[in-house]
Amino acid sequence: LLQALGRPHGLILMTGPTGSGKTLSLYSCLELLNRAEVNIS
């Protein structure tokens, strides 16, 4: 997962039913990318 997050482009998908923790996983990834030089939307 960290290797995929380290790439400058590409589509990372997280799948599972409602209530399986996808949102928390997404934001844990975004936290790793959240730096002053990165524009996250």
PDB file of all heavy atoms in Angstrom:
ATOM      1  N   LEU A   1       0.833  -1.203   0.000  1.00  0.00           N
ATOM      2  CA  LEU A   1       0.000   0.000   0.000  1.00  0.00           C
ATOM      3  C   LEU A   1       0.869   1.255   0.000  1.00  0.00           C
ATOM      4  O   LEU A   1       0.591   2.217  -0.736  1.00  0.00           O
ATOM      5  CB  LEU A   1      -0.936  -0.012   1.208  1.00  0.00           C
ATOM      6  CG  LEU A   1      -1.864   1.189   1.382  1.00  0.00           C
ATOM      7  CD1 LEU A   1      -2.696   1.431   0.130  1.00  0.00           C
ATOM      8  CD2 LEU A   1      -2.778   0.984   2.589  1.00  0.00           C
ATOM      9  N   LEU A   2       1.929   1.265   0.795  1.00  0.00           N
ATOM     10  CA  LEU A   2       2.809   2.430   0.851  1.00  0.00           C
ATOM     11  C   LEU A   2       3.500   2.659  -0.497  1.00  0.00           C
ATOM     12  O   LEU A   2       3.720   3.816  -0.903  1.00  0.00           O
ATOM     13  CB  LEU A   2       3.847   2.250   1.955  1.00  0.00           C
ATOM     14  CG  LEU A   2       3.303   2.314   3.398  1.00  0.00           C
ATOM     15  CD1 LEU A   2       4.396   1.949   4.396  1.00  0.00           C
ATOM     16  CD2 LEU A   2       2.740   3.699   3.701  1.00  0.00           C
ATOM     17  N   GLN A   3       3.834   1.586  -1.188  1.00  0.00           N
ATOM     18  CA  GLN A   3       4.441   1.736  -2.512  1.00  0.00           C
ATOM     19  C   GLN A   3       3.465   2.399  -3.482  1.00  0.00           C
ATOM     20  O   GLN A   3       3.857   3.273  -4.273  1.00  0.00           O
ATOM     21  CB  GLN A   3       4.884   0.376  -3.045  1.00  0.00           C
ATOM     22  CG  GLN A   3       6.115  -0.188  -2.338  1.00  0.00           C
ATOM     23  CD  GLN A   3       6.443  -1.608  -2.768  1.00  0.00           C
ATOM     24  OE1 GLN A   3       5.629  -2.294  -3.392  1.00  0.00           O
ATOM     25  NE2 GLN A   3       7.650  -2.071  -2.428  1.00  0.00           N
ATOM     26  N   ALA A   4       2.200   2.004  -3.435  1.00  0.00           N
ATOM     27  CA  ALA A   4       1.193   2.612  -4.309  1.00  0.00           C
ATOM     28  C   ALA A   4       0.971   4.078  -3.945  1.00  0.00           C
ATOM     29  O   ALA A   4       0.801   4.932  -4.827  1.00  0.00           O
ATOM     30  CB  ALA A   4      -0.118   1.834  -4.216  1.00  0.00           C
ATOM     31  N   LEU A   5       0.965   4.382  -2.643  1.00  0.00           N
ATOM     32  CA  LEU A   5       0.791   5.767  -2.202  1.00  0.00           C
ATOM     33  C   LEU A   5       1.991   6.630  -2.573  1.00  0.00           C
ATOM     34  O   LEU A   5       1.864   7.859  -2.690  1.00  0.00           O
ATOM     35  CB  LEU A   5       0.578   5.811  -0.685  1.00  0.00           C
ATOM     36  CG  LEU A   5      -0.751   5.255  -0.163  1.00  0.00           C
ATOM     37  CD1 LEU A   5      -0.721   5.137   1.357  1.00  0.00           C
ATOM     38  CD2 LEU A   5      -1.912   6.136  -0.612  1.00  0.00           C
ATOM     39  N   GLY A   6       3.144   6.013  -2.744  1.00  0.00           N
ATOM     40  CA  GLY A   6       4.355   6.758  -3.096  1.00  0.00           C
ATOM     41  C   GLY A   6       4.444   7.114  -4.563  1.00  0.00           C
ATOM     42  O   GLY A   6       5.322   7.900  -4.960  1.00  0.00           O
ATOM     43  N   ARG A   7       3.558   6.581  -5.386  1.00  0.00           N
ATOM     44  CA  ARG A   7       3.572   6.903  -6.811  1.00  0.00           C
ATOM     45  C   ARG A   7       2.898   8.249  -7.044  1.00  0.00           C
ATOM     46  O   ARG A   7       1.959   8.623  -6.337  1.00  0.00           O
ATOM     47  CB  ARG A   7       2.872   5.809  -7.610  1.00  0.00           C
ATOM     48  CG  ARG A   7       3.526   4.448  -7.458  1.00  0.00           C
ATOM     49  CD  ARG A   7       2.784   3.365  -8.205  1.00  0.00           C
ATOM     50  NE  ARG A   7       2.783   3.575  -9.654  1.00  0.00           N
ATOM     51  CZ  ARG A   7       2.395   2.653 -10.529  1.00  0.00           C
ATOM     52  NH1 ARG A   7       2.007   1.454 -10.104  1.00  0.00           N
ATOM     53  NH2 ARG A   7       2.409   2.906 -11.819  1.00  0.00           N
ATOM     54  N   PRO A   8       3.331   9.009  -8.042  1.00  0.00           N
ATOM     55  CA  PRO A   8       2.741  10.337  -8.261  1.00  0.00           C
ATOM     56  C   PRO A   8       1.355  10.306  -8.879  1.00  0.00           C
ATOM     57  O   PRO A   8       0.627  11.304  -8.827  1.00  0.00           O
ATOM     58  CB  PRO A   8       3.748  11.003  -9.217  1.00  0.00           C
ATOM     59  CG  PRO A   8       4.400   9.863  -9.944  1.00  0.00           C
ATOM     60  CD  PRO A   8       4.474   8.742  -8.948  1.00  0.00           C
ATOM     61  N   HIS A   9       0.972   9.183  -9.462  1.00  0.00           N
ATOM     62  CA  HIS A   9      -0.355   9.114 -10.087  1.00  0.00           C
ATOM     63  C   HIS A   9      -0.859   7.677 -10.042  1.00  0.00           C
ATOM     64  O   HIS A   9      -0.115   6.740  -9.714  1.00  0.00           O
ATOM     65  CB  HIS A   9      -0.305   9.612 -11.538  1.00  0.00           C
ATOM     66  CG  HIS A   9       0.697   8.878 -12.389  1.00  0.00           C
ATOM     67  ND1 HIS A   9       0.446   7.667 -12.977  1.00  0.00           N
ATOM     68  CD2 HIS A   9       1.978   9.194 -12.731  1.00  0.00           C
ATOM     69  CE1 HIS A   9       1.500   7.263 -13.654  1.00  0.00           C
ATOM     70  NE2 HIS A   9       2.458   8.165 -13.515  1.00  0.00           N
ATOM     71  N   GLY A  10      -2.125   7.505 -10.370  1.00  0.00           N
ATOM     72  CA  GLY A  10      -2.743   6.181 -10.348  1.00  0.00           C
ATOM     73  C   GLY A  10      -4.006   6.198  -9.504  1.00  0.00           C
ATOM     74  O   GLY A  10      -4.298   7.171  -8.793  1.00  0.00           O
ATOM     75  N   LEU A  11      -4.779   5.115  -9.611  1.00  0.00           N
ATOM     76  CA  LEU A  11      -6.045   4.985  -8.893  1.00  0.00           C
ATOM     77  C   LEU A  11      -5.940   3.859  -7.877  1.00  0.00           C
ATOM     78  O   LEU A  11      -5.673   2.711  -8.240  1.00  0.00           O
ATOM     79  CB  LEU A  11      -7.184   4.702  -9.884  1.00  0.00           C
ATOM     80  CG  LEU A  11      -8.577   4.446  -9.307  1.00  0.00           C
ATOM     81  CD1 LEU A  11      -9.067   5.637  -8.490  1.00  0.00           C
ATOM     82  CD2 LEU A  11      -9.573   4.130 -10.436  1.00  0.00           C
ATOM     83  N   ILE A  12      -6.125   4.182  -6.607  1.00  0.00           N
ATOM     84  CA  ILE A  12      -6.144   3.210  -5.516  1.00  0.00           C
ATOM     85  C   ILE A  12      -7.584   3.059  -5.057  1.00  0.00           C
ATOM     86  O   ILE A  12      -8.239   4.050  -4.718  1.00  0.00           O
ATOM     87  CB  ILE A  12      -5.260   3.669  -4.345  1.00  0.00           C
ATOM     88  CG1 ILE A  12      -3.801   3.780  -4.794  1.00  0.00           C
ATOM     89  CG2 ILE A  12      -5.382   2.706  -3.163  1.00  0.00           C
ATOM     90  CD1 ILE A  12      -2.878   4.375  -3.740  1.00  0.00           C
ATOM     91  N   LEU A  13      -8.087   1.829  -5.048  1.00  0.00           N
ATOM     92  CA  LEU A  13      -9.478   1.574  -4.674  1.00  0.00           C
ATOM     93  C   LEU A  13      -9.545   0.757  -3.396  1.00  0.00           C
ATOM     94  O   LEU A  13      -8.800  -0.210  -3.228  1.00  0.00           O
ATOM     95  CB  LEU A  13     -10.194   0.827  -5.802  1.00  0.00           C
ATOM     96  CG  LEU A  13     -10.412   1.618  -7.097  1.00  0.00           C
ATOM     97  CD1 LEU A  13     -10.931   0.704  -8.202  1.00  0.00           C
ATOM     98  CD2 LEU A  13     -11.381   2.777  -6.871  1.00  0.00           C
ATOM     99  N   MET A  14     -10.453   1.155  -2.507  1.00  0.00           N
ATOM    100  CA  MET A  14     -10.715   0.404  -1.280  1.00  0.00           C
ATOM    101  C   MET A  14     -12.166  -0.049  -1.325  1.00  0.00           C
ATOM    102  O   MET A  14     -13.067   0.765  -1.530  1.00  0.00           O
ATOM    103  CB  MET A  14     -10.430   1.274  -0.057  1.00  0.00           C
ATOM    104  CG  MET A  14      -8.970   1.659   0.021  1.00  0.00           C
ATOM    105  SD  MET A  14      -8.482   2.420   1.566  1.00  0.00           S
ATOM    106  CE  MET A  14      -6.691   2.437   1.356  1.00  0.00           C
ATOM    107  N   THR A  15     -12.370  -1.352  -1.148  1.00  0.00           N
ATOM    108  CA  THR A  15     -13.691  -1.919  -1.347  1.00  0.00           C
ATOM    109  C   THR A  15     -14.155  -2.679  -0.117  1.00  0.00           C
ATOM    110  O   THR A  15     -13.358  -3.119   0.704  1.00  0.00           O
ATOM    111  CB  THR A  15     -13.693  -2.876  -2.559  1.00  0.00           C
ATOM    112  OG1 THR A  15     -13.036  -4.099  -2.199  1.00  0.00           O
ATOM    113  CG2 THR A  15     -12.983  -2.262  -3.750  1.00  0.00           C
ATOM    114  N   GLY A  16     -15.469  -2.848  -0.033  1.00  0.00           N
ATOM    115  CA  GLY A  16     -16.065  -3.568   1.077  1.00  0.00           C
ATOM    116  C   GLY A  16     -17.471  -3.064   1.320  1.00  0.00           C
ATOM    117  O   GLY A  16     -17.885  -2.041   0.760  1.00  0.00           O
ATOM    118  N   PRO A  17     -18.230  -3.756   2.149  1.00  0.00           N
ATOM    119  CA  PRO A  17     -19.598  -3.333   2.438  1.00  0.00           C
ATOM    120  C   PRO A  17     -19.628  -2.081   3.304  1.00  0.00           C
ATOM    121  O   PRO A  17     -18.600  -1.651   3.845  1.00  0.00           O
ATOM    122  CB  PRO A  17     -20.185  -4.538   3.184  1.00  0.00           C
ATOM    123  CG  PRO A  17     -18.997  -5.200   3.806  1.00  0.00           C
ATOM    124  CD  PRO A  17     -17.865  -4.992   2.848  1.00  0.00           C
ATOM    125  N   THR A  18     -20.806  -1.504   3.448  1.00  0.00           N
ATOM    126  CA  THR A  18     -20.982  -0.367   4.349  1.00  0.00           C
ATOM    127  C   THR A  18     -20.578  -0.772   5.764  1.00  0.00           C
ATOM    128  O   THR A  18     -20.903  -1.857   6.229  1.00  0.00           O
ATOM    129  CB  THR A  18     -22.458   0.085   4.349  1.00  0.00           C
ATOM    130  OG1 THR A  18     -22.820   0.454   3.021  1.00  0.00           O
ATOM    131  CG2 THR A  18     -22.663   1.273   5.273  1.00  0.00           C
ATOM    132  N   GLY A  19     -19.833   0.114   6.425  1.00  0.00           N
ATOM    133  CA  GLY A  19     -19.425  -0.159   7.797  1.00  0.00           C
ATOM    134  C   GLY A  19     -18.206  -1.045   7.930  1.00  0.00           C
ATOM    135  O   GLY A  19     -17.942  -1.580   9.003  1.00  0.00           O
ATOM    136  N   SER A  20     -17.432  -1.190   6.840  1.00  0.00           N
ATOM    137  CA  SER A  20     -16.246  -2.053   6.906  1.00  0.00           C
ATOM    138  C   SER A  20     -14.958  -1.274   7.159  1.00  0.00           C
ATOM    139  O   SER A  20     -13.874  -1.846   7.105  1.00  0.00           O
ATOM    140  CB  SER A  20     -16.110  -2.872   5.611  1.00  0.00           C
ATOM    141  OG  SER A  20     -15.986  -2.027   4.480  1.00  0.00           O
ATOM    142  N   GLY A  21     -15.069   0.028   7.416  1.00  0.00           N
ATOM    143  CA  GLY A  21     -13.889   0.807   7.763  1.00  0.00           C
ATOM    144  C   GLY A  21     -13.170   1.447   6.597  1.00  0.00           C
ATOM    145  O   GLY A  21     -12.032   1.895   6.738  1.00  0.00           O
ATOM    146  N   LYS A  22     -13.830   1.529   5.430  1.00  0.00           N
ATOM    147  CA  LYS A  22     -13.170   2.088   4.246  1.00  0.00           C
ATOM    148  C   LYS A  22     -12.781   3.551   4.453  1.00  0.00           C
ATOM    149  O   LYS A  22     -11.686   3.976   4.067  1.00  0.00           O
ATOM    150  CB  LYS A  22     -14.079   1.960   3.024  1.00  0.00           C
ATOM    151  CG  LYS A  22     -14.436   0.537   2.635  1.00  0.00           C
ATOM    152  CD  LYS A  22     -15.194   0.481   1.328  1.00  0.00           C
ATOM    153  CE  LYS A  22     -16.524   1.207   1.367  1.00  0.00           C
ATOM    154  NZ  LYS A  22     -17.496   0.580   2.294  1.00  0.00           N
ATOM    155  N   THR A  23     -13.671   4.332   5.058  1.00  0.00           N
ATOM    156  CA  THR A  23     -13.399   5.761   5.243  1.00  0.00           C
ATOM    157  C   THR A  23     -12.183   5.983   6.131  1.00  0.00           C
ATOM    158  O   THR A  23     -11.312   6.811   5.826  1.00  0.00           O
ATOM    159  CB  THR A  23     -14.627   6.470   5.849  1.00  0.00           C
ATOM    160  OG1 THR A  23     -15.740   6.331   4.958  1.00  0.00           O
ATOM    161  CG2 THR A  23     -14.349   7.949   6.065  1.00  0.00           C
ATOM    162  N   LEU A  24     -12.090   5.237   7.217  1.00  0.00           N
ATOM    163  CA  LEU A  24     -10.947   5.384   8.113  1.00  0.00           C
ATOM    164  C   LEU A  24      -9.651   4.966   7.417  1.00  0.00           C
ATOM    165  O   LEU A  24      -8.600   5.590   7.606  1.00  0.00           O
ATOM    166  CB  LEU A  24     -11.176   4.566   9.380  1.00  0.00           C
ATOM    167  CG  LEU A  24     -10.236   4.854  10.559  1.00  0.00           C
ATOM    168  CD1 LEU A  24     -10.208   6.325  10.909  1.00  0.00           C
ATOM    169  CD2 LEU A  24     -10.629   4.025  11.769  1.00  0.00           C
ATOM    170  N   SER A  25      -9.720   3.922   6.593  1.00  0.00           N
ATOM    171  CA  SER A  25      -8.542   3.507   5.833  1.00  0.00           C
ATOM    172  C   SER A  25      -8.109   4.600   4.853  1.00  0.00           C
ATOM    173  O   SER A  25      -6.919   4.908   4.726  1.00  0.00           O
ATOM    174  CB  SER A  25      -8.828   2.210   5.069  1.00  0.00           C
ATOM    175  OG  SER A  25      -8.993   1.123   5.947  1.00  0.00           O
ATOM    176  N   LEU A  26      -9.088   5.188   4.154  1.00  0.00           N
ATOM    177  CA  LEU A  26      -8.772   6.260   3.217  1.00  0.00           C
ATOM    178  C   LEU A  26      -8.078   7.416   3.913  1.00  0.00           C
ATOM    179  O   LEU A  26      -7.065   7.941   3.433  1.00  0.00           O
ATOM    180  CB  LEU A  26     -10.052   6.758   2.540  1.00  0.00           C
ATOM    181  CG  LEU A  26     -10.629   5.928   1.396  1.00  0.00           C
ATOM    182  CD1 LEU A  26     -11.971   6.494   0.962  1.00  0.00           C
ATOM    183  CD2 LEU A  26      -9.673   5.911   0.203  1.00  0.00           C
ATOM    184  N   TYR A  27      -8.634   7.824   5.047  1.00  0.00           N
ATOM    185  CA  TYR A  27      -8.072   8.985   5.736  1.00  0.00           C
ATOM    186  C   TYR A  27      -6.732   8.664   6.390  1.00  0.00           C
ATOM    187  O   TYR A  27      -5.890   9.560   6.544  1.00  0.00           O
ATOM    188  CB  TYR A  27      -9.069   9.542   6.745  1.00  0.00           C
ATOM    189  CG  TYR A  27      -9.978  10.576   6.108  1.00  0.00           C
ATOM    190  CD1 TYR A  27     -11.179  10.206   5.531  1.00  0.00           C
ATOM    191  CD2 TYR A  27      -9.599  11.912   6.055  1.00  0.00           C
ATOM    192  CE1 TYR A  27     -11.999  11.145   4.917  1.00  0.00           C
ATOM    193  CE2 TYR A  27     -10.408  12.853   5.453  1.00  0.00           C
ATOM    194  CZ  TYR A  27     -11.604  12.471   4.877  1.00  0.00           C
ATOM    195  OH  TYR A  27     -12.396  13.408   4.272  1.00  0.00           O
ATOM    196  N   SER A  28      -6.509   7.432   6.772  1.00  0.00           N
ATOM    197  CA  SER A  28      -5.192   7.056   7.276  1.00  0.00           C
ATOM    198  C   SER A  28      -4.150   7.184   6.166  1.00  0.00           C
ATOM    199  O   SER A  28      -3.007   7.596   6.410  1.00  0.00           O
ATOM    200  CB  SER A  28      -5.217   5.629   7.825  1.00  0.00           C
ATOM    201  OG  SER A  28      -6.060   5.539   8.954  1.00  0.00           O
ATOM    202  N   CYS A  29      -4.551   6.867   4.932  1.00  0.00           N
ATOM    203  CA  CYS A  29      -3.661   7.064   3.787  1.00  0.00           C
ATOM    204  C   CYS A  29      -3.442   8.549   3.509  1.00  0.00           C
ATOM    205  O   CYS A  29      -2.307   8.989   3.253  1.00  0.00           O
ATOM    206  CB  CYS A  29      -4.236   6.378   2.545  1.00  0.00           C
ATOM    207  SG  CYS A  29      -4.269   4.573   2.626  1.00  0.00           S
ATOM    208  N   LEU A  30      -4.529   9.324   3.553  1.00  0.00           N
ATOM    209  CA  LEU A  30      -4.404  10.758   3.297  1.00  0.00           C
ATOM    210  C   LEU A  30      -3.521  11.437   4.342  1.00  0.00           C
ATOM    211  O   LEU A  30      -2.792  12.386   4.025  1.00  0.00           O
ATOM    212  CB  LEU A  30      -5.789  11.415   3.269  1.00  0.00           C
ATOM    213  CG  LEU A  30      -6.697  11.039   2.092  1.00  0.00           C
ATOM    214  CD1 LEU A  30      -8.039  11.740   2.218  1.00  0.00           C
ATOM    215  CD2 LEU A  30      -6.039  11.393   0.762  1.00  0.00           C
ATOM    216  N   GLU A  31      -3.591  10.963   5.581  1.00  0.00           N
ATOM    217  CA  GLU A  31      -2.734  11.526   6.632  1.00  0.00           C
ATOM    218  C   GLU A  31      -1.261  11.382   6.260  1.00  0.00           C
ATOM    219  O   GLU A  31      -0.455  12.280   6.526  1.00  0.00           O
ATOM    220  CB  GLU A  31      -3.004  10.801   7.956  1.00  0.00           C
ATOM    221  CG  GLU A  31      -4.305  11.180   8.627  1.00  0.00           C
ATOM    222  CD  GLU A  31      -4.112  12.255   9.679  1.00  0.00           C
ATOM    223  OE1 GLU A  31      -2.955  12.545  10.019  1.00  0.00           O
ATOM    224  OE2 GLU A  31      -5.108  12.797  10.155  1.00  0.00           O
ATOM    225  N   LEU A  32      -0.911  10.246   5.653  1.00  0.00           N
ATOM    226  CA  LEU A  32       0.484  10.029   5.264  1.00  0.00           C
ATOM    227  C   LEU A  32       0.908  10.969   4.141  1.00  0.00           C
ATOM    228  O   LEU A  32       2.097  11.296   4.011  1.00  0.00           O
ATOM    229  CB  LEU A  32       0.673   8.573   4.818  1.00  0.00           C
ATOM    230  CG  LEU A  32       0.433   7.493   5.882  1.00  0.00           C
ATOM    231  CD1 LEU A  32       0.492   6.113   5.246  1.00  0.00           C
ATOM    232  CD2 LEU A  32       1.456   7.603   7.008  1.00  0.00           C
ATOM    233  N   LEU A  33      -0.046  11.400   3.332  1.00  0.00           N
ATOM    234  CA  LEU A  33       0.245  12.258   2.180  1.00  0.00           C
ATOM    235  C   LEU A  33       0.089  13.737   2.500  1.00  0.00           C
ATOM    236  O   LEU A  33       0.464  14.592   1.680  1.00  0.00           O
ATOM    237  CB  LEU A  33      -0.683  11.901   1.012  1.00  0.00           C
ATOM    238  CG  LEU A  33      -0.619  10.455   0.506  1.00  0.00           C
ATOM    239  CD1 LEU A  33      -1.771  10.185  -0.455  1.00  0.00           C
ATOM    240  CD2 LEU A  33       0.719  10.188  -0.173  1.00  0.00           C
ATOM    241  N   ASN A  34      -0.468  14.057   3.661  1.00  0.00           N
ATOM    242  CA  ASN A  34      -0.848  15.425   3.991  1.00  0.00           C
ATOM    243  C   ASN A  34       0.361  16.255   4.423  1.00  0.00           C
ATOM    244  O   ASN A  34       0.748  16.287   5.587  1.00  0.00           O
ATOM    245  CB  ASN A  34      -1.903  15.404   5.104  1.00  0.00           C
ATOM    246  CG  ASN A  34      -2.569  16.751   5.290  1.00  0.00           C
ATOM    247  OD1 ASN A  34      -2.483  17.627   4.424  1.00  0.00           O
ATOM    248  ND2 ASN A  34      -3.238  16.929   6.414  1.00  0.00           N
ATOM    249  N   ARG A  35       0.967  16.922   3.429  1.00  0.00           N
ATOM    250  CA  ARG A  35       2.119  17.789   3.679  1.00  0.00           C
ATOM    251  C   ARG A  35       1.866  19.146   3.030  1.00  0.00           C
ATOM    252  O   ARG A  35       1.009  19.279   2.154  1.00  0.00           O
ATOM    253  CB  ARG A  35       3.399  17.163   3.102  1.00  0.00           C
ATOM    254  CG  ARG A  35       3.696  15.757   3.599  1.00  0.00           C
ATOM    255  CD  ARG A  35       5.029  15.250   3.058  1.00  0.00           C
ATOM    256  NE  ARG A  35       5.067  15.199   1.604  1.00  0.00           N
ATOM    257  CZ  ARG A  35       4.629  14.178   0.877  1.00  0.00           C
ATOM    258  NH1 ARG A  35       4.098  13.110   1.473  1.00  0.00           N
ATOM    259  NH2 ARG A  35       4.714  14.204  -0.440  1.00  0.00           N
ATOM    260  N   ALA A  36       2.631  20.123   3.436  1.00  0.00           N
ATOM    261  CA  ALA A  36       2.422  21.487   2.943  1.00  0.00           C
ATOM    262  C   ALA A  36       2.584  21.571   1.428  1.00  0.00           C
ATOM    263  O   ALA A  36       1.930  22.394   0.768  1.00  0.00           O
ATOM    264  CB  ALA A  36       3.391  22.444   3.632  1.00  0.00           C
ATOM    265  N   GLU A  37       3.437  20.726   0.857  1.00  0.00           N
ATOM    266  CA  GLU A  37       3.697  20.797  -0.585  1.00  0.00           C
ATOM    267  C   GLU A  37       2.728  19.944  -1.405  1.00  0.00           C
ATOM    268  O   GLU A  37       2.882  19.842  -2.639  1.00  0.00           O
ATOM    269  CB  GLU A  37       5.139  20.368  -0.879  1.00  0.00           C
ATOM    270  CG  GLU A  37       5.468  18.923  -0.543  1.00  0.00           C
ATOM    271  CD  GLU A  37       5.964  18.739   0.887  1.00  0.00           C
ATOM    272  OE1 GLU A  37       5.663  19.595   1.735  1.00  0.00           O
ATOM    273  OE2 GLU A  37       6.646  17.720   1.146  1.00  0.00           O
ATOM    274  N   VAL A  38       1.741  19.334  -0.768  1.00  0.00           N
ATOM    275  CA  VAL A  38       0.776  18.477  -1.470  1.00  0.00           C
ATOM    276  C   VAL A  38      -0.623  19.085  -1.360  1.00  0.00           C
ATOM    277  O   VAL A  38      -1.100  19.391  -0.266  1.00  0.00           O
ATOM    278  CB  VAL A  38       0.770  17.048  -0.881  1.00  0.00           C
ATOM    279  CG1 VAL A  38      -0.268  16.180  -1.594  1.00  0.00           C
ATOM    280  CG2 VAL A  38       2.152  16.415  -0.995  1.00  0.00           C
ATOM    281  N   ASN A  39      -1.281  19.262  -2.504  1.00  0.00           N
ATOM    282  CA  ASN A  39      -2.643  19.794  -2.542  1.00  0.00           C
ATOM    283  C   ASN A  39      -3.629  18.622  -2.564  1.00  0.00           C
ATOM    284  O   ASN A  39      -3.749  17.925  -3.572  1.00  0.00           O
ATOM    285  CB  ASN A  39      -2.837  20.677  -3.775  1.00  0.00           C
ATOM    286  CG  ASN A  39      -4.239  21.267  -3.842  1.00  0.00           C
ATOM    287  OD1 ASN A  39      -4.961  21.307  -2.843  1.00  0.00           O
ATOM    288  ND2 ASN A  39      -4.634  21.730  -5.015  1.00  0.00           N
ATOM    289  N   ILE A  40      -4.316  18.398  -1.442  1.00  0.00           N
ATOM    290  CA  ILE A  40      -5.266  17.292  -1.305  1.00  0.00           C
ATOM    291  C   ILE A  40      -6.686  17.837  -1.359  1.00  0.00           C
ATOM    292  O   ILE A  40      -7.019  18.804  -0.655  1.00  0.00           O
ATOM    293  CB  ILE A  40      -5.060  16.539   0.022  1.00  0.00           C
ATOM    294  CG1 ILE A  40      -3.661  15.910   0.074  1.00  0.00           C
ATOM    295  CG2 ILE A  40      -6.130  15.460   0.204  1.00  0.00           C
ATOM    296  CD1 ILE A  40      -3.351  15.212   1.392  1.00  0.00           C
ATOM    297  N   SER A  41      -7.514  17.227  -2.175  1.00  0.00           N
ATOM    298  CA  SER A  41      -8.933  17.594  -2.252  1.00  0.00           C
ATOM    299  C   SER A  41      -9.775  16.336  -2.110  1.00  0.00           C
ATOM    300  O   SER A  41      -9.420  15.279  -2.641  1.00  0.00           O
ATOM    301  CB  SER A  41      -9.250  18.285  -3.585  1.00  0.00           C
ATOM    302  OG  SER A  41      -8.550  19.510  -3.701  1.00  0.00           O
TER     303      SER A  41
END
